[in-house]
Amino acid sequence: MMLQKSKLYYVNGSIPSMRVLCILNEKNIDYDKIRLKVMSDPKETRIEPFISINPKGKTPTLIDIDGTKVIESLAILQYIDTYYNCKLMPSANDKQSYKKVFERINESESLLVAYESVELIYKNENGKYDELIKSAYEDVYKELLFWEKYASENKYIAGPLMTLADFAFYPVLAYMIHRGVDLTNYPNLLKYYETMYERPACQNAHPFGWNKTQGGMNLFKIAEKLNFHKFNQIFNINKLL
């Protein structure tokens, strides 16, 4: 059944949801936003009618105007770029550029996975997750070394032009900045962040009330206190630059 508009089921402040919101905004696609709350009991992602749409109970979920359902944020990015205007992938004839963008899209998941355990701070009673949090803290900053190198090479994360990789990566970086990650030793990455932050497509994908810098609980400051050494005493950013 044809719909008048595409529908996006999303969670406010979710990295995967931000990815899709960014690209829908960038391509000026007319769509309906359907926000699901996950702080409720039960979560709105775990009850009907959403479960009948996506049995996994995960957002984002896109319903295209022709009724096509697409799940998983990176899959949705690629779907939108394939079927909508203003292509953000290089020509497949440019094999090296095409490969690089796909690599960076998938590498963004490595950074997201590295970060996820930092959020164990929220339920770290009696130091139960101290070791996992310390490891995640170090893993994030090690992973960011690679991204600092990428950001030093071009204006955007996979080349001189904005690509699909930027919409996979930027929301991960933006979310971590909101949670307090320190980019003092990552000047090129900070410059990249500021470039993307100013795009209206990104501005409109940010959760309401987000600031340009850290807001709310600074998870990285808390995680830093669990580490015996400062990060810059362990890793040398110049090794990758």
Protein backbone atom coordinates (compact mmCIF):
# COMPACT_ATOMS: atom_id res chain seq x y z
CA MET A 1 0.00 0.00 0.00
CA MET A 2 1.37 3.41 -0.97
CA LEU A 3 1.83 5.95 1.82
CA GLN A 4 1.72 9.72 1.43
CA LYS A 5 5.03 10.01 3.27
CA SER A 6 7.76 7.71 4.49
CA LYS A 7 7.59 6.94 8.20
CA LEU A 8 10.53 6.77 10.57
CA TYR A 9 10.17 5.14 13.97
CA TYR A 10 12.99 6.49 16.13
CA VAL A 11 14.23 7.05 19.67
CA ASN A 12 15.26 10.56 20.66
CA GLY A 13 19.00 10.76 21.36
CA SER A 14 19.76 7.33 19.92
CA ILE A 15 22.91 7.15 17.77
CA PRO A 16 21.34 4.81 15.17
CA SER A 17 18.26 7.03 14.98
CA MET A 18 20.40 10.16 14.60
CA ARG A 19 22.15 8.58 11.62
CA VAL A 20 18.90 8.15 9.76
CA LEU A 21 17.45 11.49 10.81
CA CYS A 22 20.58 13.21 9.47
CA ILE A 23 20.42 11.63 6.03
CA LEU A 24 16.67 12.09 5.65
CA ASN A 25 17.15 15.77 6.47
CA GLU A 26 20.17 16.11 4.17
CA LYS A 27 18.23 14.72 1.22
CA ASN A 28 15.17 16.86 2.03
CA ILE A 29 12.93 13.80 2.17
CA ASP A 30 9.41 14.46 3.38
CA TYR A 31 8.72 11.97 6.16
CA ASP A 32 6.74 11.49 9.34
CA LYS A 33 8.73 11.13 12.57
CA ILE A 34 7.24 8.70 15.06
CA ARG A 35 9.07 8.93 18.36
CA LEU A 36 9.11 5.91 20.64
CA LYS A 37 10.00 6.29 24.31
CA VAL A 38 12.33 3.79 25.96
CA MET A 39 12.32 5.25 29.46
CA SER A 40 8.72 4.18 29.94
CA ASP A 41 7.64 0.88 31.50
CA PRO A 42 7.12 -1.05 29.34
CA LYS A 43 9.29 0.48 26.62
CA GLU A 44 7.28 1.61 23.62
CA THR A 45 9.68 -0.33 21.39
CA ARG A 46 8.61 -3.56 23.09
CA ILE A 47 4.85 -3.34 22.77
CA GLU A 48 2.23 -3.40 20.05
CA PRO A 49 1.79 -1.86 17.55
CA PHE A 50 5.56 -1.42 17.05
CA ILE A 51 6.38 -5.10 17.59
CA SER A 52 4.06 -5.97 14.72
CA ILE A 53 6.15 -3.64 12.52
CA ASN A 54 9.58 -4.73 13.76
CA PRO A 55 9.49 -7.94 15.84
CA LYS A 56 13.04 -7.20 17.06
CA GLY A 57 11.72 -4.11 18.81
CA LYS A 58 14.58 -1.95 17.55
CA THR A 59 14.80 1.53 16.14
CA PRO A 60 15.28 3.09 13.71
CA THR A 61 12.74 1.45 11.45
CA LEU A 62 11.86 3.05 8.13
CA ILE A 63 8.64 2.45 6.21
CA ASP A 64 9.08 3.84 2.69
CA ILE A 65 6.20 5.33 0.71
CA ASP A 66 5.74 2.07 -1.24
CA GLY A 67 5.50 0.11 2.01
CA THR A 68 9.08 -1.22 1.95
CA LYS A 69 10.30 -1.76 5.52
CA VAL A 70 14.00 -1.27 6.28
CA ILE A 71 15.65 -1.94 9.65
CA GLU A 72 19.20 -1.36 10.99
CA SER A 73 20.64 2.14 10.71
CA LEU A 74 23.51 1.42 8.32
CA ALA A 75 21.21 -0.56 6.03
CA ILE A 76 18.74 2.33 6.05
CA LEU A 77 21.51 4.79 5.12
CA GLN A 78 22.48 2.69 2.11
CA TYR A 79 18.85 2.11 1.11
CA ILE A 80 18.06 5.84 1.20
CA ASP A 81 21.16 6.70 -0.78
CA THR A 82 20.29 4.10 -3.42
CA TYR A 83 16.68 5.10 -3.93
CA TYR A 84 16.69 8.84 -3.27
CA ASN A 85 18.38 11.88 -4.84
CA CYS A 86 21.69 13.61 -4.09
CA LYS A 87 23.91 10.52 -4.06
CA LEU A 88 26.40 10.35 -1.21
CA MET A 89 28.38 7.38 -2.50
CA PRO A 90 31.20 7.81 -5.01
CA SER A 91 30.78 6.20 -8.41
CA ALA A 92 31.44 2.46 -8.32
CA ASN A 93 33.86 3.12 -11.18
CA ASP A 94 36.09 4.96 -8.69
CA LYS A 95 37.00 1.79 -6.91
CA GLN A 96 39.35 3.26 -4.27
CA SER A 97 36.98 6.05 -3.22
CA TYR A 98 34.03 3.69 -3.18
CA LYS A 99 35.94 1.19 -1.05
CA LYS A 100 37.10 3.86 1.39
CA VAL A 101 33.56 5.10 2.03
CA PHE A 102 32.28 1.59 2.69
CA GLU A 103 35.21 0.92 5.02
CA ARG A 104 34.53 4.07 7.03
CA ILE A 105 30.81 3.30 7.24
CA ASN A 106 31.58 -0.05 8.81
CA GLU A 107 34.45 1.27 10.94
CA SER A 108 31.99 3.64 12.60
CA GLU A 109 30.47 0.56 14.24
CA SER A 110 33.84 -0.24 15.85
CA LEU A 111 33.80 3.13 17.57
CA LEU A 112 30.20 2.68 18.65
CA VAL A 113 30.93 -0.77 20.11
CA ALA A 114 33.99 0.60 21.92
CA TYR A 115 31.87 3.35 23.49
CA GLU A 116 28.88 1.25 24.58
CA SER A 117 30.48 -0.12 27.74
CA VAL A 118 31.26 3.42 28.95
CA GLU A 119 27.52 3.72 29.59
CA LEU A 120 27.75 0.94 32.17
CA ILE A 121 28.56 3.85 34.49
CA TYR A 122 24.81 4.34 34.84
CA LYS A 123 24.43 0.99 36.61
CA ASN A 124 27.89 0.55 38.11
CA GLU A 125 26.84 -0.18 41.67
CA ASN A 126 29.67 -1.11 44.04
CA GLY A 127 32.20 -1.00 41.20
CA LYS A 128 30.64 -4.02 39.49
CA TYR A 129 31.67 -2.83 36.01
CA ASP A 130 34.87 -0.94 36.84
CA GLU A 131 37.12 -3.08 34.64
CA LEU A 132 34.76 -3.01 31.65
CA ILE A 133 34.42 0.76 31.92
CA LYS A 134 38.17 1.29 32.18
CA SER A 135 38.74 -0.90 29.15
CA ALA A 136 36.02 0.88 27.17
CA TYR A 137 37.48 4.28 28.06
CA GLU A 138 40.88 3.29 26.70
CA ASP A 139 39.38 1.57 23.65
CA VAL A 140 37.46 4.70 22.67
CA TYR A 141 40.53 6.91 22.73
CA LYS A 142 42.60 4.35 20.86
CA GLU A 143 39.90 4.08 18.20
CA LEU A 144 39.71 7.86 17.94
CA LEU A 145 43.38 7.93 16.93
CA PHE A 146 42.42 6.37 13.62
CA TRP A 147 39.63 8.88 13.10
CA GLU A 148 41.95 11.76 13.92
CA LYS A 149 44.22 10.54 11.15
CA TYR A 150 41.30 10.31 8.72
CA ALA A 151 40.15 13.81 9.66
CA SER A 152 43.67 15.16 9.06
CA GLU A 153 43.61 13.97 5.46
CA ASN A 154 40.47 15.71 4.15
CA LYS A 155 37.61 17.99 5.10
CA TYR A 156 35.24 15.05 5.47
CA ILE A 157 35.82 11.66 7.02
CA ALA A 158 36.28 9.71 3.78
CA GLY A 159 37.49 12.36 1.36
CA PRO A 160 37.15 15.96 0.19
CA LEU A 161 33.40 15.61 -0.34
CA MET A 162 30.70 14.64 2.13
CA THR A 163 29.67 11.01 1.78
CA LEU A 164 27.50 8.38 3.39
CA ALA A 165 30.38 7.69 5.78
CA ASP A 166 29.84 11.07 7.43
CA PHE A 167 26.27 10.19 8.33
CA ALA A 168 27.40 6.87 9.77
CA PHE A 169 30.24 8.38 11.82
CA TYR A 170 29.17 11.88 12.85
CA PRO A 171 26.31 10.84 15.17
CA VAL A 172 28.66 8.52 17.07
CA LEU A 173 31.16 11.34 17.57
CA ALA A 174 28.46 13.88 18.44
CA TYR A 175 26.94 11.57 21.04
CA MET A 176 30.30 10.93 22.69
CA ILE A 177 31.03 14.66 22.81
CA HIS A 178 27.67 15.11 24.52
CA ARG A 179 28.82 12.50 27.07
CA GLY A 180 32.11 14.29 27.69
CA VAL A 181 34.78 12.80 25.43
CA ASP A 182 37.83 15.10 25.37
CA LEU A 183 39.10 16.01 21.89
CA THR A 184 41.87 18.31 23.09
CA ASN A 185 44.49 16.02 21.55
CA TYR A 186 42.41 15.48 18.41
CA PRO A 187 42.34 18.90 16.71
CA ASN A 188 41.44 17.65 13.24
CA LEU A 189 38.58 15.58 14.58
CA LEU A 190 37.30 18.58 16.53
CA LYS A 191 37.43 20.71 13.37
CA TYR A 192 35.53 18.01 11.50
CA TYR A 193 32.91 17.87 14.25
CA GLU A 194 32.37 21.62 14.05
CA THR A 195 31.98 21.42 10.26
CA MET A 196 29.30 18.74 10.49
CA TYR A 197 27.60 20.29 13.50
CA GLU A 198 26.81 23.44 11.54
CA ARG A 199 24.90 21.56 8.83
CA PRO A 200 21.12 22.12 9.17
CA ALA A 201 20.57 18.40 8.51
CA CYS A 202 22.62 17.56 11.60
CA GLN A 203 21.18 20.36 13.71
CA ASN A 204 17.68 19.07 13.06
CA ALA A 205 18.69 15.52 13.98
CA HIS A 206 20.11 16.49 17.38
CA PRO A 207 17.88 15.80 20.38
CA PHE A 208 16.07 18.87 21.66
CA GLY A 209 18.19 20.90 24.03
CA TRP A 210 21.59 19.49 23.05
CA ASN A 211 24.49 21.91 23.30
CA LYS A 212 27.50 22.00 21.00
CA THR A 213 29.68 20.68 23.81
CA GLN A 214 29.23 18.24 26.67
CA GLY A 215 25.91 18.21 28.48
CA GLY A 216 24.49 16.28 31.39
CA MET A 217 26.59 13.70 33.20
CA ASN A 218 30.22 13.65 31.99
CA LEU A 219 30.73 9.90 31.61
CA PHE A 220 34.30 10.23 30.39
CA LYS A 221 35.39 12.21 33.45
CA ILE A 222 33.94 9.49 35.65
CA ALA A 223 35.60 6.76 33.58
CA GLU A 224 38.90 8.64 33.66
CA LYS A 225 38.94 8.49 37.44
CA LEU A 226 38.81 4.69 37.24
CA ASN A 227 42.00 4.60 35.18
CA PHE A 228 45.38 4.58 36.83
CA HIS A 229 46.97 6.70 34.10
CA LYS A 230 45.79 9.48 31.87
CA PHE A 231 45.19 8.34 28.30
CA ASN A 232 47.93 10.52 26.84
CA GLN A 233 50.44 8.79 29.10
CA ILE A 234 49.56 5.45 27.51
CA PHE A 235 49.06 6.23 23.82
CA ASN A 236 50.95 8.51 21.48
CA ILE A 237 48.78 10.15 18.88
CA ASN A 238 51.83 11.02 16.75
CA LYS A 239 52.37 7.35 15.97
CA LEU A 240 49.42 7.44 13.58
CA LEU A 241 49.89 10.90 12.06
